[in-house]
């Protein structure tokens, strides 16, 4: 569908405009189309609250709904902690968190539904128990909710920024400041759907704190703390600083054979237990692939 915005629709939100043409669809469905890039205004992606201007060219397509079937699989899961309400897992590198239309096996969710009969449902049918996510090639701690009440209370902590999340990364170049704060809004890339960029106009607030753990010749070992939790946030922010993560081919044009996948792992998560109110901290050891890369770079130095 493609239309030109007339005077009658000046100032109306883009999701409401499309609803007037697609009355059989719910507003949250249309907002999901906008979020996933199925709606363009003047050939650009926009947010759901974009207000239309006269002669804007709006085009959209209704995405085909392909059912994703989840199969239980007896995968090896590294359980760091478990009680009646939540599970903390050390996710391995290379594992997707949940199935996609392209990949429906060997994900964390496939393993979870094999071992657990009951998981929260608030993230939808293909994401049972999933409160937050890690990229495929980012290993480390991830929290799973067993029921909806636990899930909701954990979500609230993430939203209120009371969950502390620490990561370690190895980046190109020497980071001169011992510590710092990156505040730079993040938005979808206008043409590359998988990628995110810093965009002061369209982006959502994003904040990352970092400190240097070690400097080597041409490389720096960093600890990063997520204050917000945007998609690819650390990867985008470090690239924005001109210190892309080693092995990150999406945000780093430099070719290298040092490591497959980005040198980034989720080291620690600290939260308040959603039922006991106890403050809890879960830390995992540095993964072997990360330690070996550090040792290699130190020898090169």
Protein backbone atom coordinates (compact mmCIF):
# COMPACT_ATOMS: atom_id res chain seq x y z
CA UNK A 1 0.00 0.00 0.00
CA UNK A 2 1.32 3.45 -0.89
CA UNK A 3 -0.36 6.81 -0.21
CA UNK A 4 0.38 10.53 -0.17
CA UNK A 5 -0.64 12.29 3.03
CA UNK A 6 -3.40 14.82 2.38
CA UNK A 7 -4.20 17.97 4.39
CA UNK A 8 -6.80 16.04 6.39
CA UNK A 9 -4.09 13.87 7.97
CA UNK A 10 -1.48 16.51 8.83
CA UNK A 11 -0.26 15.96 12.40
CA UNK A 12 -1.82 12.53 12.85
CA UNK A 13 0.39 9.75 14.21
CA UNK A 14 1.61 7.29 11.59
CA UNK A 15 0.14 4.26 13.43
CA UNK A 16 -3.29 5.93 13.55
CA UNK A 17 -3.07 6.82 9.86
CA UNK A 18 -2.42 3.21 8.90
CA UNK A 19 -5.19 2.01 11.24
CA UNK A 20 -7.65 4.10 9.22
CA UNK A 21 -6.66 2.11 6.11
CA UNK A 22 -6.26 -1.26 7.90
CA UNK A 23 -9.19 -1.36 10.38
CA UNK A 24 -9.03 -5.16 10.80
CA UNK A 25 -5.63 -4.94 12.51
CA UNK A 26 -4.98 -3.92 16.11
CA UNK A 27 -2.90 -0.85 16.83
CA UNK A 28 -0.14 -2.86 18.56
CA UNK A 29 0.15 -5.05 15.43
CA UNK A 30 0.63 -1.96 13.27
CA UNK A 31 3.19 -0.61 15.73
CA UNK A 32 5.08 -3.89 15.36
CA UNK A 33 5.08 -3.44 11.56
CA UNK A 34 6.59 0.01 12.10
CA UNK A 35 9.18 -1.33 14.55
CA UNK A 36 10.28 -4.10 12.16
CA UNK A 37 10.70 -1.80 9.15
CA UNK A 38 7.54 -2.73 7.23
CA UNK A 39 6.40 0.92 7.19
CA UNK A 40 8.35 3.67 5.42
CA UNK A 41 7.78 7.41 5.25
CA UNK A 42 9.62 9.05 2.35
CA UNK A 43 11.70 5.83 2.08
CA UNK A 44 12.82 6.11 5.73
CA UNK A 45 11.90 4.09 8.82
CA UNK A 46 10.12 6.09 11.54
CA UNK A 47 8.76 5.60 15.06
CA UNK A 48 5.10 4.87 15.83
CA UNK A 49 4.62 8.41 17.19
CA UNK A 50 5.83 10.07 13.96
CA UNK A 51 3.39 12.85 13.02
CA UNK A 52 2.51 13.02 9.34
CA UNK A 53 3.24 16.02 7.16
CA UNK A 54 1.45 17.07 4.00
CA UNK A 55 2.64 15.15 0.91
CA UNK A 56 4.57 12.56 2.97
CA UNK A 57 4.81 9.36 0.94
CA UNK A 58 3.76 6.52 3.24
CA UNK A 59 4.08 2.91 2.15
CA UNK A 60 3.64 -0.30 4.08
CA UNK A 61 3.37 -4.02 3.63
CA UNK A 62 1.62 -6.49 5.90
CA UNK A 63 4.21 -9.07 6.95
CA UNK A 64 3.28 -12.69 6.36
CA UNK A 65 2.84 -14.53 9.61
CA UNK A 66 4.90 -17.70 9.51
CA UNK A 67 4.26 -19.89 12.55
CA UNK A 68 7.41 -20.80 14.46
CA UNK A 69 7.27 -24.23 16.06
CA UNK A 70 9.50 -24.79 19.08
CA UNK A 71 10.92 -28.25 19.65
CA UNK A 72 12.20 -29.33 23.09
CA UNK A 73 15.87 -30.35 22.87
CA UNK A 74 18.14 -31.86 25.57
CA UNK A 75 20.80 -29.17 25.14
CA UNK A 76 23.63 -28.69 27.61
CA UNK A 77 22.77 -25.63 29.73
CA UNK A 78 25.17 -24.12 32.28
CA UNK A 79 22.83 -23.29 35.18
CA UNK A 80 24.45 -20.80 37.56
CA UNK A 81 21.47 -20.52 39.95
CA UNK A 82 17.90 -21.78 40.20
CA UNK A 83 15.00 -21.53 42.63
CA UNK A 84 11.19 -21.76 42.38
CA UNK A 85 10.96 -18.43 40.55
CA UNK A 86 13.98 -17.82 38.33
CA UNK A 87 16.93 -19.44 36.59
CA UNK A 88 20.30 -17.83 35.87
CA UNK A 89 22.18 -19.37 32.95
CA UNK A 90 25.66 -18.87 31.54
CA UNK A 91 24.77 -18.84 27.83
CA UNK A 92 27.42 -20.19 25.51
CA UNK A 93 28.78 -18.23 22.57
CA UNK A 94 27.10 -19.01 19.24
CA UNK A 95 23.71 -19.89 20.76
CA UNK A 96 20.62 -17.88 19.82
CA UNK A 97 18.39 -17.00 22.78
CA UNK A 98 15.12 -17.91 21.03
CA UNK A 99 13.97 -19.43 17.70
CA UNK A 100 13.49 -17.28 14.61
CA UNK A 101 11.81 -17.92 11.29
CA UNK A 102 15.22 -18.87 9.93
CA UNK A 103 16.47 -20.98 12.86
CA UNK A 104 14.18 -23.07 15.02
CA UNK A 105 16.57 -25.46 16.76
CA UNK A 106 19.58 -25.35 19.12
CA UNK A 107 18.45 -22.12 20.81
CA UNK A 108 18.39 -21.47 24.54
CA UNK A 109 14.58 -21.66 24.48
CA UNK A 110 14.68 -25.14 22.89
CA UNK A 111 16.75 -26.30 25.85
CA UNK A 112 14.63 -24.49 28.42
CA UNK A 113 11.33 -26.04 27.34
CA UNK A 114 12.93 -29.50 27.42
CA UNK A 115 13.93 -29.16 31.09
CA UNK A 116 11.17 -26.89 32.43
CA UNK A 117 7.41 -27.47 32.18
CA UNK A 118 6.54 -23.98 33.36
CA UNK A 119 8.05 -20.70 32.13
CA UNK A 120 6.69 -17.15 31.93
CA UNK A 121 4.58 -16.17 28.92
CA UNK A 122 4.89 -12.35 28.91
CA UNK A 123 7.44 -12.26 26.06
CA UNK A 124 5.24 -14.29 23.72
CA UNK A 125 4.95 -17.83 22.46
CA UNK A 126 8.46 -18.21 21.04
CA UNK A 127 10.22 -16.53 23.98
CA UNK A 128 9.00 -18.41 27.09
CA UNK A 129 10.84 -17.23 30.19
CA UNK A 130 12.93 -14.65 28.34
CA UNK A 131 13.15 -11.37 30.30
CA UNK A 132 16.17 -9.90 28.46
CA UNK A 133 18.43 -11.07 25.66
CA UNK A 134 22.04 -11.56 24.65
CA UNK A 135 23.30 -11.54 21.07
CA UNK A 136 24.17 -14.91 19.54
CA UNK A 137 27.94 -14.36 19.85
CA UNK A 138 27.76 -12.71 23.29
CA UNK A 139 28.15 -15.36 25.98
CA UNK A 140 27.43 -14.94 29.67
CA UNK A 141 24.74 -14.44 32.31
CA UNK A 142 21.08 -14.30 31.39
CA UNK A 143 18.05 -14.43 33.72
CA UNK A 144 14.98 -16.60 32.99
CA UNK A 145 11.58 -16.20 34.70
CA UNK A 146 9.50 -19.25 35.60
CA UNK A 147 6.20 -17.40 35.99
CA UNK A 148 4.54 -14.18 34.84
CA UNK A 149 4.67 -12.44 38.23
CA UNK A 150 8.42 -12.99 38.47
CA UNK A 151 8.82 -11.86 34.86
CA UNK A 152 6.81 -8.68 35.41
CA UNK A 153 8.76 -7.73 38.54
CA UNK A 154 12.10 -8.36 36.83
CA UNK A 155 10.99 -6.29 33.81
CA UNK A 156 10.17 -3.43 36.15
CA UNK A 157 13.71 -3.56 37.60
CA UNK A 158 15.23 -3.41 34.12
CA UNK A 159 12.98 -0.48 33.23
CA UNK A 160 13.87 1.38 36.45
CA UNK A 161 17.57 0.68 35.80
CA UNK A 162 18.11 -1.07 39.14
CA UNK A 163 19.59 -4.18 37.51
CA UNK A 164 23.39 -3.90 37.29
CA UNK A 165 24.92 -5.54 34.21
CA UNK A 166 28.67 -5.78 33.64
CA UNK A 167 30.36 -6.93 30.43
CA UNK A 168 33.96 -7.31 29.29
CA UNK A 169 35.11 -6.45 25.78
CA UNK A 170 38.35 -6.30 23.80
CA UNK A 171 38.45 -3.39 21.37
CA UNK A 172 40.71 -2.03 18.67
CA UNK A 173 42.96 0.86 19.56
CA UNK A 174 44.14 2.39 22.82
CA UNK A 175 41.32 3.89 24.90
CA UNK A 176 43.06 6.82 26.58
CA UNK A 177 40.52 7.64 29.32
CA UNK A 178 40.64 5.25 32.29
CA UNK A 179 36.87 5.48 32.60
CA UNK A 180 34.02 7.29 30.92
CA UNK A 181 30.32 7.52 30.08
CA UNK A 182 28.83 7.22 26.61
CA UNK A 183 25.42 8.87 26.22
CA UNK A 184 24.33 8.51 22.61
CA UNK A 185 20.78 7.70 21.34
CA UNK A 186 20.46 4.51 19.30
CA UNK A 187 18.13 3.89 16.34
CA UNK A 188 17.70 1.32 13.60
CA UNK A 189 19.97 1.77 10.60
CA UNK A 190 17.86 3.34 7.80
CA UNK A 191 18.78 0.68 5.22
CA UNK A 192 20.41 -2.27 7.06
CA UNK A 193 17.75 -3.95 9.17
CA UNK A 194 20.11 -5.92 11.42
CA UNK A 195 22.23 -2.90 12.28
CA UNK A 196 21.81 -0.04 14.75
CA UNK A 197 23.37 3.44 14.68
CA UNK A 198 23.80 6.47 16.91
CA UNK A 199 21.12 8.93 15.79
CA UNK A 200 20.33 12.03 17.84
CA UNK A 201 17.07 12.66 15.94
CA UNK A 202 15.42 9.23 15.79
CA UNK A 203 17.30 7.34 18.50
CA UNK A 204 16.19 6.17 21.93
CA UNK A 205 18.19 7.20 24.99
CA UNK A 206 21.18 4.91 25.57
CA UNK A 207 23.90 5.06 28.22
CA UNK A 208 27.00 2.90 28.71
CA UNK A 209 29.72 3.30 31.35
CA UNK A 210 33.20 1.92 30.71
CA UNK A 211 36.54 1.54 32.42
CA UNK A 212 39.90 0.28 31.17
CA UNK A 213 41.10 -3.03 32.63
CA UNK A 214 44.26 -3.37 30.54
CA UNK A 215 46.00 -1.79 27.56
CA UNK A 216 48.01 -3.76 25.01
CA UNK A 217 49.65 -2.80 21.75
CA UNK A 218 46.81 -1.60 19.50
CA UNK A 219 44.10 -3.09 21.76
CA UNK A 220 42.26 -2.30 25.01
CA UNK A 221 40.51 -4.61 27.46
CA UNK A 222 37.38 -2.89 28.84
CA UNK A 223 34.68 -3.43 31.41
CA UNK A 224 31.32 -1.98 30.36
CA UNK A 225 28.20 -1.38 32.42
CA UNK A 226 24.81 -1.13 30.73
CA UNK A 227 22.57 1.56 32.18
CA UNK A 228 19.95 1.22 29.44
CA UNK A 229 19.56 -1.93 27.35
CA UNK A 230 19.18 -1.10 23.67
CA UNK A 231 19.79 -3.72 20.99
CA UNK A 232 23.56 -4.05 20.31
CA UNK A 233 24.14 -1.12 22.68
CA UNK A 234 27.74 -1.82 23.74
CA UNK A 235 28.72 -2.78 20.20
CA UNK A 236 27.20 0.42 18.75
CA UNK A 237 28.62 2.71 21.44
CA UNK A 238 32.17 1.35 21.20
CA UNK A 239 32.11 1.64 17.41
CA UNK A 240 30.83 5.21 17.85
CA UNK A 241 33.92 5.87 20.03
CA UNK A 242 36.07 4.58 17.14
CA UNK A 243 37.01 1.53 19.22
CA UNK A 244 34.99 -1.29 17.64
CA UNK A 245 34.99 -4.70 19.31
CA UNK A 246 37.46 -7.22 17.96
CA UNK A 247 35.67 -9.81 15.80
CA UNK A 248 32.46 -7.77 15.40
CA UNK A 249 31.97 -7.93 11.64
CA UNK A 250 28.66 -6.04 11.74
CA UNK A 251 30.16 -2.90 13.31
CA UNK A 252 33.80 -3.28 12.33
CA UNK A 253 35.02 -2.96 8.75
CA UNK A 254 38.48 -4.24 9.71
CA UNK A 255 39.01 -7.85 8.70
CA UNK A 256 40.81 -10.04 11.20
CA UNK A 257 41.39 -13.69 11.97
CA UNK A 258 41.86 -13.20 15.71
CA UNK A 259 38.44 -14.48 16.78
CA UNK A 260 35.13 -15.61 15.32
CA UNK A 261 32.31 -13.41 16.63
CA UNK A 262 32.71 -10.37 18.85
CA UNK A 263 35.03 -10.41 21.89
CA UNK A 264 32.27 -9.53 24.34
CA UNK A 265 30.71 -11.42 27.23
CA UNK A 266 28.18 -10.73 29.98
CA UNK A 267 30.26 -11.06 33.12
CA UNK A 268 27.87 -10.19 35.93
CA UNK A 269 24.27 -9.36 36.75
CA UNK A 270 23.01 -7.97 40.05
CA UNK A 271 19.31 -7.73 40.86
CA UNK A 272 16.75 -7.79 43.64
CA UNK A 273 15.02 -11.14 43.98
CA UNK A 274 11.42 -10.48 42.86
CA UNK A 275 9.90 -12.39 45.80
CA UNK A 276 12.37 -12.29 48.70
CA UNK A 277 13.69 -8.74 47.99
CA UNK A 278 17.22 -10.07 48.59
CA UNK A 279 19.91 -8.34 46.54
CA UNK A 280 21.67 -11.04 44.49
CA UNK A 281 24.78 -10.99 42.31
CA UNK A 282 25.73 -13.63 39.75
CA UNK A 283 29.20 -13.64 38.15
CA UNK A 284 30.64 -16.04 35.57
CA UNK A 285 34.27 -16.80 34.82
CA UNK A 286 35.94 -15.32 31.79
CA UNK A 287 35.19 -17.73 28.91
CA UNK A 288 38.10 -19.67 27.43
CA UNK A 289 37.88 -18.03 24.00
CA UNK A 290 38.14 -14.59 25.64
CA UNK A 291 41.06 -15.53 27.92
CA UNK A 292 42.98 -17.11 25.04
CA UNK A 293 42.53 -13.98 22.90
CA UNK A 294 43.77 -11.78 25.76
CA UNK A 295 46.83 -13.96 26.21
CA UNK A 296 47.53 -13.88 22.49
CA UNK A 297 47.30 -10.08 22.36
CA UNK A 298 49.53 -9.75 25.45
CA UNK A 299 52.17 -11.93 23.80
CA UNK A 300 51.93 -9.78 20.65
CA UNK A 301 52.51 -6.70 22.81
